[in-house]
C-alpha atoms as a PDB file:
ATOM      1  CA  UNK A   1     -29.537 -11.337  26.434  1.00  0.00           C
ATOM      2  CA  UNK A   2     -30.156  -8.532  23.972  1.00  0.00           C
ATOM      3  CA  UNK A   3     -31.637  -9.566  20.687  1.00  0.00           C
ATOM      4  CA  UNK A   4     -29.059  -9.859  17.936  1.00  0.00           C
ATOM      5  CA  UNK A   5     -29.374  -7.645  14.890  1.00  0.00           C
ATOM      6  CA  UNK A   6     -30.590  -9.488  11.818  1.00  0.00           C
ATOM      7  CA  UNK A   7     -27.581  -9.985   9.564  1.00  0.00           C
ATOM      8  CA  UNK A   8     -27.880  -8.415   6.145  1.00  0.00           C
ATOM      9  CA  UNK A   9     -25.982  -9.949   3.263  1.00  0.00           C
ATOM     10  CA  UNK A  10     -24.081  -7.190   1.448  1.00  0.00           C
ATOM     11  CA  UNK A  11     -23.472  -7.123  -2.309  1.00  0.00           C
ATOM     12  CA  UNK A  12     -19.889  -8.414  -1.897  1.00  0.00           C
ATOM     13  CA  UNK A  13     -21.266 -11.690  -0.448  1.00  0.00           C
ATOM     14  CA  UNK A  14     -23.858 -12.250  -3.135  1.00  0.00           C
ATOM     15  CA  UNK A  15     -21.310 -13.574  -5.606  1.00  0.00           C
ATOM     16  CA  UNK A  16     -20.089 -16.519  -3.562  1.00  0.00           C
ATOM     17  CA  UNK A  17     -23.625 -17.420  -2.438  1.00  0.00           C
ATOM     18  CA  UNK A  18     -25.189 -17.323  -5.917  1.00  0.00           C
ATOM     19  CA  UNK A  19     -26.035 -20.568  -7.754  1.00  0.00           C
ATOM     20  CA  UNK A  20     -23.149 -21.687  -9.942  1.00  0.00           C
ATOM     21  CA  UNK A  21     -25.258 -21.332 -13.085  1.00  0.00           C
ATOM     22  CA  UNK A  22     -25.688 -17.590 -12.394  1.00  0.00           C
ATOM     23  CA  UNK A  23     -21.966 -16.868 -12.185  1.00  0.00           C
ATOM     24  CA  UNK A  24     -20.671 -15.051 -15.245  1.00  0.00           C
ATOM     25  CA  UNK A  25     -17.242 -16.554 -15.968  1.00  0.00           C
ATOM     26  CA  UNK A  26     -16.410 -13.988 -18.641  1.00  0.00           C
ATOM     27  CA  UNK A  27     -17.208 -11.045 -16.392  1.00  0.00           C
ATOM     28  CA  UNK A  28     -15.264 -12.581 -13.534  1.00  0.00           C
ATOM     29  CA  UNK A  29     -12.171 -13.140 -15.682  1.00  0.00           C
ATOM     30  CA  UNK A  30     -12.337  -9.535 -16.889  1.00  0.00           C
ATOM     31  CA  UNK A  31     -12.485  -8.291 -13.284  1.00  0.00           C
ATOM     32  CA  UNK A  32      -9.631 -10.627 -12.367  1.00  0.00           C
ATOM     33  CA  UNK A  33      -7.521  -9.238 -15.198  1.00  0.00           C
ATOM     34  CA  UNK A  34      -8.222  -5.686 -14.088  1.00  0.00           C
ATOM     35  CA  UNK A  35      -7.254  -6.529 -10.496  1.00  0.00           C
ATOM     36  CA  UNK A  36      -3.949  -7.994 -11.711  1.00  0.00           C
ATOM     37  CA  UNK A  37      -3.246  -4.824 -13.731  1.00  0.00           C
ATOM     38  CA  UNK A  38      -4.118  -2.632 -10.751  1.00  0.00           C
ATOM     39  CA  UNK A  39      -1.959  -4.688  -8.391  1.00  0.00           C
ATOM     40  CA  UNK A  40       0.929  -4.442 -10.847  1.00  0.00           C
ATOM     41  CA  UNK A  41       0.440  -0.670 -10.974  1.00  0.00           C
ATOM     42  CA  UNK A  42       0.438  -0.386  -7.183  1.00  0.00           C
ATOM     43  CA  UNK A  43       3.743  -2.240  -7.082  1.00  0.00           C
ATOM     44  CA  UNK A  44       5.176  -0.144  -9.915  1.00  0.00           C
ATOM     45  CA  UNK A  45       5.977  -3.274 -11.926  1.00  0.00           C
ATOM     46  CA  UNK A  46       6.057  -3.652 -15.680  1.00  0.00           C
ATOM     47  CA  UNK A  47       4.592  -6.817 -17.177  1.00  0.00           C
ATOM     48  CA  UNK A  48       8.137  -7.935 -17.983  1.00  0.00           C
ATOM     49  CA  UNK A  49       9.184  -7.531 -14.342  1.00  0.00           C
ATOM     50  CA  UNK A  50       6.159  -9.512 -13.144  1.00  0.00           C
ATOM     51  CA  UNK A  51       6.864 -12.249 -15.691  1.00  0.00           C
ATOM     52  CA  UNK A  52      10.440 -12.515 -14.415  1.00  0.00           C
ATOM     53  CA  UNK A  53       9.504 -12.611 -10.720  1.00  0.00           C
ATOM     54  CA  UNK A  54       6.598 -15.047 -11.162  1.00  0.00           C
ATOM     55  CA  UNK A  55       8.238 -17.225 -13.831  1.00  0.00           C
ATOM     56  CA  UNK A  56       5.092 -16.793 -15.928  1.00  0.00           C
ATOM     57  CA  UNK A  57       5.308 -15.761 -19.568  1.00  0.00           C
ATOM     58  CA  UNK A  58       4.477 -12.215 -20.624  1.00  0.00           C
ATOM     59  CA  UNK A  59       2.087 -13.719 -23.168  1.00  0.00           C
ATOM     60  CA  UNK A  60       0.067 -15.423 -20.452  1.00  0.00           C
ATOM     61  CA  UNK A  61       0.044 -12.263 -18.324  1.00  0.00           C
ATOM     62  CA  UNK A  62      -1.241 -10.292 -21.312  1.00  0.00           C
ATOM     63  CA  UNK A  63      -4.027 -12.846 -21.736  1.00  0.00           C
ATOM     64  CA  UNK A  64      -4.829 -12.729 -18.033  1.00  0.00           C
ATOM     65  CA  UNK A  65      -4.916  -8.936 -17.863  1.00  0.00           C
ATOM     66  CA  UNK A  66      -7.046  -8.876 -21.000  1.00  0.00           C
ATOM     67  CA  UNK A  67      -9.732 -10.934 -19.277  1.00  0.00           C
ATOM     68  CA  UNK A  68      -8.825 -14.142 -21.080  1.00  0.00           C
ATOM     69  CA  UNK A  69      -7.221 -16.048 -18.206  1.00  0.00           C
ATOM     70  CA  UNK A  70      -7.324 -19.782 -17.595  1.00  0.00           C
ATOM     71  CA  UNK A  71     -10.873 -20.981 -16.945  1.00  0.00           C
ATOM     72  CA  UNK A  72      -9.684 -23.150 -14.038  1.00  0.00           C
ATOM     73  CA  UNK A  73     -10.036 -20.207 -11.669  1.00  0.00           C
ATOM     74  CA  UNK A  74     -13.606 -19.681 -12.892  1.00  0.00           C
ATOM     75  CA  UNK A  75     -14.381 -23.343 -12.211  1.00  0.00           C
ATOM     76  CA  UNK A  76     -12.902 -23.092  -8.719  1.00  0.00           C
ATOM     77  CA  UNK A  77     -15.121 -20.063  -8.174  1.00  0.00           C
ATOM     78  CA  UNK A  78     -18.175 -22.189  -9.053  1.00  0.00           C
ATOM     79  CA  UNK A  79     -17.069 -24.783  -6.505  1.00  0.00           C
ATOM     80  CA  UNK A  80     -16.765 -22.097  -3.840  1.00  0.00           C
ATOM     81  CA  UNK A  81     -20.250 -20.837  -4.712  1.00  0.00           C
ATOM     82  CA  UNK A  82     -21.672 -24.365  -4.409  1.00  0.00           C
ATOM     83  CA  UNK A  83     -20.011 -24.726  -0.996  1.00  0.00           C
ATOM     84  CA  UNK A  84     -21.255 -21.296   0.083  1.00  0.00           C
ATOM     85  CA  UNK A  85     -17.791 -20.048   1.068  1.00  0.00           C
ATOM     86  CA  UNK A  86     -15.695 -17.137  -0.221  1.00  0.00           C
ATOM     87  CA  UNK A  87     -13.232 -18.113  -2.936  1.00  0.00           C
ATOM     88  CA  UNK A  88     -10.365 -16.643  -0.910  1.00  0.00           C
ATOM     89  CA  UNK A  89     -10.981 -19.212   1.828  1.00  0.00           C
ATOM     90  CA  UNK A  90     -10.193 -22.037  -0.589  1.00  0.00           C
ATOM     91  CA  UNK A  91      -7.030 -20.514  -2.038  1.00  0.00           C
ATOM     92  CA  UNK A  92      -5.507 -19.070   1.176  1.00  0.00           C
ATOM     93  CA  UNK A  93      -1.992 -20.354   1.931  1.00  0.00           C
ATOM     94  CA  UNK A  94      -2.972 -21.133   5.527  1.00  0.00           C
ATOM     95  CA  UNK A  95      -6.397 -21.733   7.012  1.00  0.00           C
ATOM     96  CA  UNK A  96      -7.136 -18.883   9.437  1.00  0.00           C
ATOM     97  CA  UNK A  97      -8.460 -19.525  12.953  1.00  0.00           C
ATOM     98  CA  UNK A  98     -12.223 -19.535  13.452  1.00  0.00           C
ATOM     99  CA  UNK A  99     -12.092 -16.156  15.214  1.00  0.00           C
ATOM    100  CA  UNK A 100     -10.458 -14.568  12.182  1.00  0.00           C
ATOM    101  CA  UNK A 101     -13.076 -15.992   9.830  1.00  0.00           C
ATOM    102  CA  UNK A 102     -15.925 -14.752  12.043  1.00  0.00           C
ATOM    103  CA  UNK A 103     -14.349 -11.307  12.342  1.00  0.00           C
ATOM    104  CA  UNK A 104     -13.902 -11.140   8.573  1.00  0.00           C
ATOM    105  CA  UNK A 105     -17.580 -11.960   8.076  1.00  0.00           C
ATOM    106  CA  UNK A 106     -18.587  -9.261  10.548  1.00  0.00           C
ATOM    107  CA  UNK A 107     -16.387  -6.684   8.810  1.00  0.00           C
ATOM    108  CA  UNK A 108     -17.699  -7.754   5.423  1.00  0.00           C
ATOM    109  CA  UNK A 109     -21.151  -6.518   6.424  1.00  0.00           C
ATOM    110  CA  UNK A 110     -19.986  -3.019   7.325  1.00  0.00           C
ATOM    111  CA  UNK A 111     -20.199   0.033   5.107  1.00  0.00           C
ATOM    112  CA  UNK A 112     -16.905   1.797   4.251  1.00  0.00           C
ATOM    113  CA  UNK A 113     -17.615   4.434   6.915  1.00  0.00           C
ATOM    114  CA  UNK A 114     -18.385   1.776   9.540  1.00  0.00           C
ATOM    115  CA  UNK A 115     -15.235  -0.126   8.587  1.00  0.00           C
ATOM    116  CA  UNK A 116     -13.121   3.021   9.085  1.00  0.00           C
ATOM    117  CA  UNK A 117     -14.705   3.423  12.521  1.00  0.00           C
ATOM    118  CA  UNK A 118     -13.956  -0.207  13.380  1.00  0.00           C
ATOM    119  CA  UNK A 119     -10.338   0.299  12.287  1.00  0.00           C
ATOM    120  CA  UNK A 120     -10.028   3.309  14.605  1.00  0.00           C
ATOM    121  CA  UNK A 121     -11.498   1.323  17.512  1.00  0.00           C
ATOM    122  CA  UNK A 122      -9.071  -1.561  16.957  1.00  0.00           C
ATOM    123  CA  UNK A 123      -6.118   0.834  16.689  1.00  0.00           C
ATOM    124  CA  UNK A 124      -7.099   2.545  19.941  1.00  0.00           C
ATOM    125  CA  UNK A 125      -7.639  -0.745  21.789  1.00  0.00           C
ATOM    126  CA  UNK A 126      -4.703  -2.764  20.453  1.00  0.00           C
ATOM    127  CA  UNK A 127      -2.302  -0.173  19.000  1.00  0.00           C
ATOM    128  CA  UNK A 128       0.907   1.023  20.708  1.00  0.00           C
ATOM    129  CA  UNK A 129      -0.565   4.396  21.710  1.00  0.00           C
ATOM    130  CA  UNK A 130       1.544   7.518  22.224  1.00  0.00           C
ATOM    131  CA  UNK A 131       4.845   5.675  21.842  1.00  0.00           C
ATOM    132  CA  UNK A 132       4.464   5.883  18.079  1.00  0.00           C
ATOM    133  CA  UNK A 133       4.603   9.677  18.203  1.00  0.00           C
ATOM    134  CA  UNK A 134       8.348   9.323  18.898  1.00  0.00           C
ATOM    135  CA  UNK A 135       8.757   8.352  15.234  1.00  0.00           C
ATOM    136  CA  UNK A 136       7.581  10.123  12.088  1.00  0.00           C
ATOM    137  CA  UNK A 137       7.264   8.249   8.795  1.00  0.00           C
ATOM    138  CA  UNK A 138       6.899  10.174   5.541  1.00  0.00           C
ATOM    139  CA  UNK A 139       5.122   8.159   2.862  1.00  0.00           C
ATOM    140  CA  UNK A 140       4.095   8.769  -0.731  1.00  0.00           C
ATOM    141  CA  UNK A 141       5.033   8.111  -4.332  1.00  0.00           C
ATOM    142  CA  UNK A 142       8.572   8.945  -5.422  1.00  0.00           C
ATOM    143  CA  UNK A 143       8.951  12.673  -6.014  1.00  0.00           C
ATOM    144  CA  UNK A 144       6.576  13.777  -3.236  1.00  0.00           C
ATOM    145  CA  UNK A 145       9.482  15.269  -1.239  1.00  0.00           C
ATOM    146  CA  UNK A 146      10.278  12.599   1.381  1.00  0.00           C
ATOM    147  CA  UNK A 147      14.043  12.571   0.928  1.00  0.00           C
ATOM    148  CA  UNK A 148      14.184  16.378   0.821  1.00  0.00           C
ATOM    149  CA  UNK A 149      11.837  17.159   3.701  1.00  0.00           C
ATOM    150  CA  UNK A 150      12.839  14.208   5.900  1.00  0.00           C
ATOM    151  CA  UNK A 151      16.321  15.478   6.839  1.00  0.00           C
ATOM    152  CA  UNK A 152      14.953  19.000   7.260  1.00  0.00           C
ATOM    153  CA  UNK A 153      12.235  17.839   9.642  1.00  0.00           C
ATOM    154  CA  UNK A 154      14.699  15.655  11.554  1.00  0.00           C
ATOM    155  CA  UNK A 155      17.036  18.622  12.029  1.00  0.00           C
ATOM    156  CA  UNK A 156      14.132  20.816  13.168  1.00  0.00           C
ATOM    157  CA  UNK A 157      13.097  18.194  15.753  1.00  0.00           C
ATOM    158  CA  UNK A 158      16.645  17.313  16.787  1.00  0.00           C
ATOM    159  CA  UNK A 159      16.046  13.706  15.730  1.00  0.00           C
ATOM    160  CA  UNK A 160      17.813  11.253  13.459  1.00  0.00           C
ATOM    161  CA  UNK A 161      16.891  10.661   9.820  1.00  0.00           C
ATOM    162  CA  UNK A 162      16.568   7.242   8.162  1.00  0.00           C
ATOM    163  CA  UNK A 163      16.089   6.256   4.528  1.00  0.00           C
ATOM    164  CA  UNK A 164      14.122   3.007   4.713  1.00  0.00           C
ATOM    165  CA  UNK A 165      15.813   1.695   1.561  1.00  0.00           C
ATOM    166  CA  UNK A 166      19.214   1.880   3.297  1.00  0.00           C
ATOM    167  CA  UNK A 167      17.803  -0.065   6.266  1.00  0.00           C
ATOM    168  CA  UNK A 168      16.459  -2.710   3.894  1.00  0.00           C
ATOM    169  CA  UNK A 169      19.940  -3.087   2.399  1.00  0.00           C
ATOM    170  CA  UNK A 170      21.326  -3.437   5.916  1.00  0.00           C
ATOM    171  CA  UNK A 171      18.736  -6.101   6.700  1.00  0.00           C
ATOM    172  CA  UNK A 172      19.505  -8.079   3.548  1.00  0.00           C
ATOM    173  CA  UNK A 173      23.250  -7.439   3.524  1.00  0.00           C
ATOM    174  CA  UNK A 174      23.051  -6.469  -0.137  1.00  0.00           C
ATOM    175  CA  UNK A 175      22.267  -3.437  -2.329  1.00  0.00           C
ATOM    176  CA  UNK A 176      18.693  -2.923  -3.465  1.00  0.00           C
ATOM    177  CA  UNK A 177      19.539  -3.968  -7.040  1.00  0.00           C
ATOM    178  CA  UNK A 178      20.908  -7.307  -5.855  1.00  0.00           C
ATOM    179  CA  UNK A 179      17.906  -7.931  -3.609  1.00  0.00           C
ATOM    180  CA  UNK A 180      15.559  -7.511  -6.565  1.00  0.00           C
ATOM    181  CA  UNK A 181      17.791  -9.572  -8.845  1.00  0.00           C
ATOM    182  CA  UNK A 182      18.085 -12.477  -6.396  1.00  0.00           C
ATOM    183  CA  UNK A 183      14.726 -12.485  -4.631  1.00  0.00           C
ATOM    184  CA  UNK A 184      12.372 -10.387  -6.756  1.00  0.00           C
ATOM    185  CA  UNK A 185       9.952  -7.816  -5.432  1.00  0.00           C
ATOM    186  CA  UNK A 186       8.378 -10.268  -2.979  1.00  0.00           C
ATOM    187  CA  UNK A 187      11.776 -10.846  -1.352  1.00  0.00           C
ATOM    188  CA  UNK A 188      12.410  -7.112  -1.188  1.00  0.00           C
ATOM    189  CA  UNK A 189       9.084  -6.618   0.607  1.00  0.00           C
ATOM    190  CA  UNK A 190       9.972  -9.258   3.192  1.00  0.00           C
ATOM    191  CA  UNK A 191      13.188  -7.421   4.041  1.00  0.00           C
ATOM    192  CA  UNK A 192      11.264  -4.143   4.056  1.00  0.00           C
ATOM    193  CA  UNK A 193       8.892  -5.376   6.734  1.00  0.00           C
ATOM    194  CA  UNK A 194      11.750  -6.753   8.817  1.00  0.00           C
ATOM    195  CA  UNK A 195      13.544  -3.406   8.592  1.00  0.00           C
ATOM    196  CA  UNK A 196      10.412  -1.548   9.718  1.00  0.00           C
ATOM    197  CA  UNK A 197       9.912  -3.911  12.652  1.00  0.00           C
ATOM    198  CA  UNK A 198      13.545  -3.485  13.713  1.00  0.00           C
ATOM    199  CA  UNK A 199      13.428   0.311  13.513  1.00  0.00           C
ATOM    200  CA  UNK A 200      10.275   0.443  15.629  1.00  0.00           C
ATOM    201  CA  UNK A 201      11.732  -1.987  18.135  1.00  0.00           C
ATOM    202  CA  UNK A 202      15.165  -0.380  18.447  1.00  0.00           C
ATOM    203  CA  UNK A 203      14.879   3.302  17.513  1.00  0.00           C
ATOM    204  CA  UNK A 204      13.006   6.362  18.720  1.00  0.00           C
ATOM    205  CA  UNK A 205      13.075  10.036  17.801  1.00  0.00           C
ATOM    206  CA  UNK A 206      13.660   9.348  14.121  1.00  0.00           C
ATOM    207  CA  UNK A 207      12.155  10.542  10.854  1.00  0.00           C
ATOM    208  CA  UNK A 208      11.774   7.763   8.287  1.00  0.00           C
ATOM    209  CA  UNK A 209      11.518   8.303   4.529  1.00  0.00           C
ATOM    210  CA  UNK A 210       9.625   5.230   3.346  1.00  0.00           C
ATOM    211  CA  UNK A 211       9.727   3.818  -0.169  1.00  0.00           C
ATOM    212  CA  UNK A 212       6.859   4.596  -2.522  1.00  0.00           C
ATOM    213  CA  UNK A 213       5.965   0.927  -2.909  1.00  0.00           C
ATOM    214  CA  UNK A 214       4.793   0.788   0.684  1.00  0.00           C
ATOM    215  CA  UNK A 215       1.393   1.919  -0.588  1.00  0.00           C
ATOM    216  CA  UNK A 216       0.956  -1.527  -2.117  1.00  0.00           C
ATOM    217  CA  UNK A 217       1.904  -3.548   0.972  1.00  0.00           C
ATOM    218  CA  UNK A 218      -0.868  -3.718   3.611  1.00  0.00           C
ATOM    219  CA  UNK A 219       1.163  -5.718   6.161  1.00  0.00           C
ATOM    220  CA  UNK A 220       4.238  -3.454   6.030  1.00  0.00           C
ATOM    221  CA  UNK A 221       2.114  -0.319   5.928  1.00  0.00           C
ATOM    222  CA  UNK A 222       0.090  -1.358   8.983  1.00  0.00           C
ATOM    223  CA  UNK A 223       3.307  -2.156  10.862  1.00  0.00           C
ATOM    224  CA  UNK A 224       4.633   1.310  10.041  1.00  0.00           C
ATOM    225  CA  UNK A 225       1.333   2.936  10.971  1.00  0.00           C
ATOM    226  CA  UNK A 226       1.286   1.139  14.329  1.00  0.00           C
ATOM    227  CA  UNK A 227       4.788   2.319  15.215  1.00  0.00           C
ATOM    228  CA  UNK A 228       4.973   5.819  13.711  1.00  0.00           C
ATOM    229  CA  UNK A 229       3.065   9.004  13.096  1.00  0.00           C
ATOM    230  CA  UNK A 230       2.522   8.605   9.361  1.00  0.00           C
ATOM    231  CA  UNK A 231       2.296  11.630   7.061  1.00  0.00           C
ATOM    232  CA  UNK A 232       1.304  11.224   3.424  1.00  0.00           C
ATOM    233  CA  UNK A 233       3.135  13.655   1.146  1.00  0.00           C
ATOM    234  CA  UNK A 234       1.159  14.254  -2.039  1.00  0.00           C
ATOM    235  CA  UNK A 235       1.839  16.304  -5.144  1.00  0.00           C
ATOM    236  CA  UNK A 236       0.434  16.689  -8.635  1.00  0.00           C
ATOM    237  CA  UNK A 237       1.630  14.087 -11.167  1.00  0.00           C
ATOM    238  CA  UNK A 238       3.455  16.905 -12.983  1.00  0.00           C
ATOM    239  CA  UNK A 239       5.354  17.875  -9.816  1.00  0.00           C
ATOM    240  CA  UNK A 240       6.194  14.227  -9.133  1.00  0.00           C
ATOM    241  CA  UNK A 241       7.541  13.871 -12.664  1.00  0.00           C
ATOM    242  CA  UNK A 242       9.653  17.015 -12.594  1.00  0.00           C
ATOM    243  CA  UNK A 243      11.198  16.103  -9.238  1.00  0.00           C
ATOM    244  CA  UNK A 244      12.014  12.541 -10.319  1.00  0.00           C
ATOM    245  CA  UNK A 245      13.701  13.814 -13.490  1.00  0.00           C
ATOM    246  CA  UNK A 246      15.590  16.412 -11.461  1.00  0.00           C
ATOM    247  CA  UNK A 247      16.720  13.801  -8.925  1.00  0.00           C
ATOM    248  CA  UNK A 248      18.025  11.627 -11.734  1.00  0.00           C
ATOM    249  CA  UNK A 249      19.884  14.599 -13.197  1.00  0.00           C
ATOM    250  CA  UNK A 250      18.308  13.978 -16.601  1.00  0.00           C
ATOM    251  CA  UNK A 251      18.044  16.454 -19.468  1.00  0.00           C
ATOM    252  CA  UNK A 252      14.990  15.514 -21.477  1.00  0.00           C
ATOM    253  CA  UNK A 253      13.012  16.788 -24.414  1.00  0.00           C
ATOM    254  CA  UNK A 254       9.476  17.145 -23.102  1.00  0.00           C
ATOM    255  CA  UNK A 255       6.382  15.768 -24.791  1.00  0.00           C
ATOM    256  CA  UNK A 256       7.828  12.653 -26.430  1.00  0.00           C
ATOM    257  CA  UNK A 257       5.935   9.373 -26.671  1.00  0.00           C
ATOM    258  CA  UNK A 258       8.082   7.874 -23.917  1.00  0.00           C
ATOM    259  CA  UNK A 259       7.249  10.736 -21.577  1.00  0.00           C
ATOM    260  CA  UNK A 260       3.525  10.398 -22.300  1.00  0.00           C
ATOM    261  CA  UNK A 261       3.600   6.683 -21.464  1.00  0.00           C
ATOM    262  CA  UNK A 262       5.664   7.265 -18.312  1.00  0.00           C
ATOM    263  CA  UNK A 263       3.256   9.983 -17.159  1.00  0.00           C
ATOM    264  CA  UNK A 264       0.287   7.658 -17.746  1.00  0.00           C
ATOM    265  CA  UNK A 265       1.999   4.955 -15.678  1.00  0.00           C
ATOM    266  CA  UNK A 266       2.748   7.473 -12.923  1.00  0.00           C
ATOM    267  CA  UNK A 267      -0.878   8.595 -12.794  1.00  0.00           C
ATOM    268  CA  UNK A 268      -2.001   4.973 -12.530  1.00  0.00           C
ATOM    269  CA  UNK A 269       0.468   4.266  -9.706  1.00  0.00           C
ATOM    270  CA  UNK A 270      -0.712   7.324  -7.774  1.00  0.00           C
ATOM    271  CA  UNK A 271      -4.353   6.362  -8.298  1.00  0.00           C
ATOM    272  CA  UNK A 272      -3.848   2.760  -7.188  1.00  0.00           C
ATOM    273  CA  UNK A 273      -1.782   3.600  -4.102  1.00  0.00           C
ATOM    274  CA  UNK A 274      -3.931   6.488  -2.896  1.00  0.00           C
ATOM    275  CA  UNK A 275      -6.488   4.341  -0.988  1.00  0.00           C
ATOM    276  CA  UNK A 276      -3.723   2.883   1.188  1.00  0.00           C
ATOM    277  CA  UNK A 277      -1.860   6.173   1.605  1.00  0.00           C
ATOM    278  CA  UNK A 278      -5.108   7.859   2.663  1.00  0.00           C
ATOM    279  CA  UNK A 279      -5.073   5.819   5.878  1.00  0.00           C
ATOM    280  CA  UNK A 280      -2.048   7.799   7.091  1.00  0.00           C
ATOM    281  CA  UNK A 281      -2.473  10.010  10.144  1.00  0.00           C
ATOM    282  CA  UNK A 282      -2.073  13.223   8.158  1.00  0.00           C
ATOM    283  CA  UNK A 283      -1.820  14.447   4.572  1.00  0.00           C
ATOM    284  CA  UNK A 284       0.336  17.262   3.209  1.00  0.00           C
ATOM    285  CA  UNK A 285       0.141  18.536  -0.365  1.00  0.00           C
ATOM    286  CA  UNK A 286       3.544  19.799  -1.519  1.00  0.00           C
ATOM    287  CA  UNK A 287       2.399  20.864  -5.000  1.00  0.00           C
ATOM    288  CA  UNK A 288       3.930  24.211  -5.965  1.00  0.00           C
ATOM    289  CA  UNK A 289       5.380  24.758  -2.493  1.00  0.00           C
ATOM    290  CA  UNK A 290       9.003  25.350  -1.544  1.00  0.00           C
ATOM    291  CA  UNK A 291      10.712  22.912   0.846  1.00  0.00           C
ATOM    292  CA  UNK A 292      10.789  25.656   3.498  1.00  0.00           C
ATOM    293  CA  UNK A 293       7.015  26.163   3.226  1.00  0.00           C
ATOM    294  CA  UNK A 294       6.323  22.441   3.410  1.00  0.00           C
ATOM    295  CA  UNK A 295       8.655  22.102   6.396  1.00  0.00           C
ATOM    296  CA  UNK A 296       6.585  24.613   8.355  1.00  0.00           C
ATOM    297  CA  UNK A 297       3.434  22.625   7.581  1.00  0.00           C
ATOM    298  CA  UNK A 298       5.112  19.384   8.610  1.00  0.00           C
ATOM    299  CA  UNK A 299       6.281  20.891  11.884  1.00  0.00           C
ATOM    300  CA  UNK A 300       2.750  22.025  12.681  1.00  0.00           C
ATOM    301  CA  UNK A 301       1.390  18.522  12.018  1.00  0.00           C
ATOM    302  CA  UNK A 302       3.934  16.915  14.361  1.00  0.00           C
ATOM    303  CA  UNK A 303       3.396  19.536  17.061  1.00  0.00           C
ATOM    304  CA  UNK A 304      -0.384  19.132  16.887  1.00  0.00           C
ATOM    305  CA  UNK A 305      -0.117  15.343  17.129  1.00  0.00           C
ATOM    306  CA  UNK A 306       2.167  15.606  20.167  1.00  0.00           C
ATOM    307  CA  UNK A 307      -0.104  18.167  21.817  1.00  0.00           C
ATOM    308  CA  UNK A 308      -3.316  16.231  21.214  1.00  0.00           C
ATOM    309  CA  UNK A 309      -1.798  12.793  21.685  1.00  0.00           C
ATOM    310  CA  UNK A 310      -3.554  11.738  18.516  1.00  0.00           C
ATOM    311  CA  UNK A 311      -3.538  12.181  14.769  1.00  0.00           C
ATOM    312  CA  UNK A 312      -4.289  15.441  13.013  1.00  0.00           C
END
């Protein structure tokens, strides 16, 4: 048997293996608060929305995001360190099988480049293969051009066009507003994943315009990526903003305090969702381009993927 490589413990493991006395509770709570803020940005949620959906007060969320959360989580982290296990293993809803835990430990030791390679190997070995090229999914933050370019691309290909939000309403039997009001964002995401699974199972030769929030949902995004050729439409924050205002039919005075805050939130959403979006098969920048110009680029991406049987 070939000798096994000596396992190296990466920096991300050092925290849960360190003696409890060396764990900085204050620093951990600050990082936890930042992760909550970033997760909220990825989901496009205000603190008020998160308070409503979680039934947690805005005051507590402000404390948490400010790095002043309840110390109980810091104590649980010390227990995990004493046990020599990752904190996430103790707080997971369900205990994963041994194989999953071992695979997670193996992946934990990889560099980002090695992890991307491992992802490609898994997709090639266990993914659906060329069948996914019979569907194109356009992803990106609102205002990137999905709803404009989607129907145009579908017509060019002779395929059908689907707005994922309409399929979610069909799945839930209620308008989007009612889904959020009754079940919150978490409930909406459950219906979103079901709608994606149904489309992949039942439909082919379709162009799907996915919702911008998909960039915050790993499970739904991976399901879409397995069943479709995914193309990330990007644009400058300014282009996003102008298109969203135009879609809403709003007449605004530019440069007000409200606009400045909204633009800052938009930049944060784009920044937080970009790592997930970047895993799409292809990327198309629509900044400063006409729909006709972007359509030609989209057509070339789809044609190249079909010709090569792979992503561009």
